[in-house]
N, C-alpha and C. Protein backbone atom coordinates (compact mmCIF):
# COMPACT_ATOMS: atom_id res chain seq x y z
N MET A 1 38.74 -21.56 -26.80
CA MET A 1 38.71 -20.60 -25.80
C MET A 1 39.55 -19.41 -26.61
N ALA A 2 39.18 -18.23 -26.77
CA ALA A 2 39.87 -17.07 -27.60
C ALA A 2 39.92 -16.08 -26.49
N ILE A 3 41.54 -15.94 -26.09
CA ILE A 3 41.76 -15.04 -25.10
C ILE A 3 42.69 -14.03 -25.53
N ASN A 4 42.55 -12.77 -25.61
CA ASN A 4 43.44 -11.62 -26.21
C ASN A 4 43.85 -10.55 -25.30
N ASP A 5 44.95 -10.19 -25.39
CA ASP A 5 45.63 -9.12 -24.64
C ASP A 5 45.86 -9.47 -23.15
N ILE A 6 46.34 -10.36 -22.74
CA ILE A 6 46.40 -10.50 -21.24
C ILE A 6 47.86 -10.30 -21.21
N MET A 7 48.18 -9.20 -20.18
CA MET A 7 49.37 -8.83 -19.73
C MET A 7 49.42 -9.32 -18.31
N ILE A 8 50.62 -9.80 -18.09
CA ILE A 8 50.86 -10.25 -16.70
C ILE A 8 52.35 -9.46 -16.34
N THR A 9 52.42 -9.41 -14.94
CA THR A 9 53.69 -9.04 -14.23
C THR A 9 54.20 -10.12 -13.22
N LEU A 10 55.28 -10.27 -13.64
CA LEU A 10 55.91 -11.54 -12.76
C LEU A 10 56.67 -11.00 -11.24
N THR A 11 56.78 -11.57 -10.44
CA THR A 11 57.20 -11.26 -9.13
C THR A 11 58.64 -10.61 -9.39
N ASN A 12 59.35 -10.74 -10.43
CA ASN A 12 60.64 -10.04 -10.77
C ASN A 12 60.23 -8.71 -11.62
N GLY A 13 59.03 -8.37 -11.65
CA GLY A 13 59.09 -7.02 -12.09
C GLY A 13 58.90 -7.31 -13.74
N GLN A 14 59.10 -8.26 -14.57
CA GLN A 14 59.14 -8.45 -15.84
C GLN A 14 57.54 -8.45 -16.50
N LYS A 15 57.30 -7.86 -17.61
CA LYS A 15 55.92 -7.85 -17.82
C LYS A 15 55.85 -8.55 -19.24
N TYR A 16 54.65 -9.34 -19.29
CA TYR A 16 54.74 -10.08 -20.56
C TYR A 16 53.25 -9.83 -21.29
N LYS A 17 53.20 -9.91 -22.45
CA LYS A 17 51.80 -10.01 -23.14
C LYS A 17 51.83 -11.33 -23.80
N LEU A 18 50.79 -12.07 -23.38
CA LEU A 18 50.65 -13.33 -23.68
C LEU A 18 50.02 -13.74 -24.88
N ARG A 19 50.44 -14.64 -25.59
CA ARG A 19 49.91 -15.20 -26.68
C ARG A 19 48.63 -15.95 -26.61
N ASN A 20 47.91 -16.10 -27.56
CA ASN A 20 46.56 -17.02 -27.41
C ASN A 20 47.04 -18.36 -27.35
N PRO A 21 46.43 -19.20 -26.58
CA PRO A 21 46.80 -20.50 -26.61
C PRO A 21 46.60 -21.33 -27.85
N ASP A 22 45.87 -20.91 -28.73
CA ASP A 22 45.55 -21.56 -29.96
C ASP A 22 46.76 -21.31 -30.92
N THR A 23 47.74 -20.39 -30.33
CA THR A 23 48.94 -20.29 -31.20
C THR A 23 50.26 -21.36 -30.69
N LEU A 24 49.67 -22.16 -29.79
CA LEU A 24 50.97 -22.93 -29.13
C LEU A 24 51.56 -23.86 -30.39
N SER A 25 50.80 -24.24 -31.29
CA SER A 25 51.46 -25.06 -32.58
C SER A 25 52.52 -24.25 -33.15
N GLU A 26 52.70 -23.05 -33.16
CA GLU A 26 53.49 -22.37 -33.69
C GLU A 26 54.84 -22.11 -32.85
N ILE A 27 54.96 -22.48 -31.53
CA ILE A 27 56.06 -22.28 -30.70
C ILE A 27 57.40 -22.75 -31.47
N ASP A 28 58.31 -22.09 -31.08
CA ASP A 28 59.66 -22.38 -31.61
C ASP A 28 60.18 -23.14 -30.19
N SER A 29 60.48 -24.59 -30.40
CA SER A 29 60.73 -25.66 -29.43
C SER A 29 62.14 -25.35 -28.90
N SER A 30 63.04 -24.51 -29.73
CA SER A 30 64.24 -24.38 -29.08
C SER A 30 64.35 -23.05 -28.26
N ARG A 31 63.26 -22.25 -28.14
CA ARG A 31 63.08 -21.03 -27.28
C ARG A 31 62.61 -21.39 -25.88
N THR A 32 62.86 -20.88 -24.90
CA THR A 32 62.44 -21.19 -23.64
C THR A 32 61.12 -20.14 -23.56
N ALA A 33 60.04 -20.55 -23.01
CA ALA A 33 58.79 -19.54 -22.87
C ALA A 33 58.25 -19.89 -21.36
N ILE A 34 57.29 -18.90 -21.35
CA ILE A 34 56.48 -19.05 -19.90
C ILE A 34 54.84 -19.35 -20.31
N PHE A 35 54.34 -20.04 -19.44
CA PHE A 35 52.99 -20.56 -19.64
C PHE A 35 52.13 -20.14 -18.46
N LEU A 36 51.12 -19.55 -18.58
CA LEU A 36 50.17 -19.35 -17.45
C LEU A 36 48.91 -20.17 -17.58
N PHE A 37 48.60 -20.71 -16.51
CA PHE A 37 47.42 -21.59 -16.40
C PHE A 37 46.29 -20.97 -15.67
N ASP A 38 45.22 -21.79 -15.67
CA ASP A 38 44.02 -21.07 -15.18
C ASP A 38 43.80 -20.89 -13.69
N ASN A 39 44.86 -21.71 -12.89
CA ASN A 39 45.17 -21.57 -11.36
C ASN A 39 46.27 -20.57 -11.03
N MET A 40 46.56 -19.81 -12.18
CA MET A 40 47.58 -18.60 -12.14
C MET A 40 49.03 -19.12 -11.71
N GLU A 41 49.16 -20.50 -11.98
CA GLU A 41 50.64 -20.83 -11.85
C GLU A 41 51.25 -20.82 -13.23
N VAL A 42 52.53 -20.42 -13.11
CA VAL A 42 53.48 -20.15 -14.32
C VAL A 42 54.61 -21.17 -14.18
N TYR A 43 54.56 -21.67 -15.29
CA TYR A 43 55.78 -22.73 -15.76
C TYR A 43 56.81 -22.18 -16.72
N THR A 44 57.93 -22.54 -16.61
CA THR A 44 58.86 -21.91 -17.69
C THR A 44 59.57 -23.30 -18.22
N GLY A 45 59.63 -23.29 -19.51
CA GLY A 45 60.31 -24.31 -20.36
C GLY A 45 60.14 -24.26 -21.68
N CYS A 46 60.56 -25.43 -22.33
CA CYS A 46 60.43 -25.29 -24.00
C CYS A 46 59.42 -26.12 -24.13
N SER A 47 58.73 -26.03 -25.30
CA SER A 47 57.68 -26.94 -25.73
C SER A 47 57.57 -26.83 -27.26
N ASN A 48 57.22 -28.14 -27.75
CA ASN A 48 57.23 -28.32 -29.31
C ASN A 48 55.65 -28.15 -29.84
N GLY A 49 54.67 -27.91 -28.57
CA GLY A 49 53.36 -27.43 -29.22
C GLY A 49 52.50 -28.33 -29.54
N LEU A 50 53.14 -29.77 -29.63
CA LEU A 50 52.13 -30.85 -30.09
C LEU A 50 51.35 -31.41 -28.78
N MET A 51 50.19 -31.77 -29.06
CA MET A 51 49.44 -32.50 -28.17
C MET A 51 49.13 -33.92 -28.36
N ASP A 52 48.77 -34.55 -27.13
CA ASP A 52 48.65 -35.98 -27.37
C ASP A 52 47.12 -36.31 -27.43
N GLU A 53 46.61 -37.35 -27.28
CA GLU A 53 45.20 -37.75 -27.46
C GLU A 53 44.24 -37.15 -26.22
N ASP A 54 45.09 -36.96 -25.04
CA ASP A 54 44.24 -36.28 -23.85
C ASP A 54 44.27 -34.93 -23.84
N GLU A 55 44.89 -34.37 -25.07
CA GLU A 55 45.07 -32.90 -25.23
C GLU A 55 45.96 -32.15 -24.14
N ASP A 56 46.76 -32.99 -23.78
CA ASP A 56 47.90 -32.29 -22.92
C ASP A 56 49.07 -32.23 -23.88
N PHE A 57 49.92 -30.98 -23.41
CA PHE A 57 51.29 -30.91 -24.11
C PHE A 57 52.50 -30.91 -23.20
N CYS A 58 53.64 -31.24 -23.81
CA CYS A 58 54.64 -31.25 -23.10
C CYS A 58 55.46 -29.72 -22.70
N ILE A 59 56.13 -29.63 -21.59
CA ILE A 59 56.83 -28.66 -21.09
C ILE A 59 58.05 -29.29 -20.70
N PHE A 60 59.26 -28.92 -21.17
CA PHE A 60 60.30 -29.63 -20.85
C PHE A 60 61.65 -28.47 -20.55
N ALA A 61 62.56 -29.08 -19.96
CA ALA A 61 64.02 -28.17 -19.60
C ALA A 61 64.70 -28.11 -21.17
N PRO A 62 64.89 -26.87 -21.06
CA PRO A 62 65.81 -26.42 -22.44
C PRO A 62 67.05 -27.66 -22.66
N GLY A 63 67.19 -27.94 -23.80
CA GLY A 63 68.06 -29.30 -24.33
C GLY A 63 67.51 -30.68 -23.88
N LYS A 64 66.27 -30.93 -23.28
CA LYS A 64 65.98 -32.17 -22.88
C LYS A 64 64.98 -32.53 -23.83
N ASN A 65 64.55 -33.92 -23.94
CA ASN A 65 63.64 -34.53 -24.95
C ASN A 65 62.26 -34.78 -24.10
N HIS A 66 62.30 -34.87 -22.92
CA HIS A 66 61.16 -35.16 -22.12
C HIS A 66 60.90 -34.06 -21.18
N GLY A 67 59.59 -34.11 -20.56
CA GLY A 67 59.38 -33.43 -19.50
C GLY A 67 58.05 -33.65 -18.92
N ILE A 68 57.20 -32.59 -18.44
CA ILE A 68 55.89 -32.79 -17.90
C ILE A 68 54.88 -32.62 -18.73
N GLY A 69 53.68 -33.34 -18.61
CA GLY A 69 52.51 -33.06 -19.60
C GLY A 69 51.60 -32.13 -18.91
N MET A 70 50.98 -31.20 -19.49
CA MET A 70 50.17 -30.25 -18.96
C MET A 70 48.92 -30.21 -19.83
N PRO A 71 47.82 -29.70 -19.20
CA PRO A 71 46.47 -29.70 -19.93
C PRO A 71 46.32 -28.47 -20.68
N PHE A 72 46.17 -28.77 -21.94
CA PHE A 72 46.07 -27.68 -22.78
C PHE A 72 44.77 -26.86 -22.63
N ARG A 73 43.72 -27.47 -21.97
CA ARG A 73 42.61 -26.90 -21.90
C ARG A 73 42.50 -25.88 -20.58
N ARG A 74 43.68 -25.92 -19.77
CA ARG A 74 43.84 -25.08 -18.41
C ARG A 74 44.91 -23.75 -18.99
N LEU A 75 45.44 -23.73 -20.39
CA LEU A 75 46.34 -22.97 -20.72
C LEU A 75 45.67 -21.44 -20.89
N LEU A 76 46.25 -20.25 -20.09
CA LEU A 76 45.52 -19.29 -20.53
C LEU A 76 46.45 -18.23 -21.53
N GLY A 77 47.69 -18.89 -21.66
CA GLY A 77 48.41 -17.76 -22.65
C GLY A 77 49.94 -18.36 -22.43
N TRP A 78 50.79 -17.75 -23.23
CA TRP A 78 52.01 -18.21 -23.26
C TRP A 78 53.06 -17.15 -23.92
N ALA A 79 54.30 -16.90 -23.47
CA ALA A 79 55.12 -15.74 -24.39
C ALA A 79 56.34 -16.54 -24.29
N TYR A 80 57.39 -15.95 -25.09
CA TYR A 80 58.95 -16.25 -24.94
C TYR A 80 59.68 -15.43 -23.87
N LYS A 81 60.25 -16.24 -23.20
CA LYS A 81 60.93 -15.75 -21.99
C LYS A 81 61.89 -14.37 -22.27
N ARG A 82 61.88 -13.36 -21.76
CA ARG A 82 62.86 -12.47 -22.06
C ARG A 82 64.25 -12.93 -21.83
N GLY A 83 65.23 -12.28 -22.80
CA GLY A 83 66.66 -12.63 -22.69
C GLY A 83 66.82 -14.16 -23.32
N ASP A 84 65.96 -14.64 -23.82
CA ASP A 84 66.04 -15.94 -24.62
C ASP A 84 66.21 -15.63 -26.16
N ASN A 85 67.34 -15.65 -26.79
CA ASN A 85 67.60 -15.45 -28.02
C ASN A 85 67.51 -16.56 -28.87
N ALA A 86 66.64 -16.61 -29.85
CA ALA A 86 66.82 -17.92 -30.84
C ALA A 86 67.91 -17.74 -31.75
């Protein structure tokens, strides 16, 4: 799925231009990101961008090695969280 130029505004007023889900493998695992899914839920955390055999990827709290598996096929886009400096 190729989705380009999605802009979102969070309830705190911050605006983000989301990156294409296909670029998830390029994510910096040391930076906090936001992830938008097709049910319009937004998750915040870190990811290494790796997918398992079920095509799920992991979102974890900064500094942690484990987290929650999320379905890549439902990811609409992602962006680095503002104020998170690498």
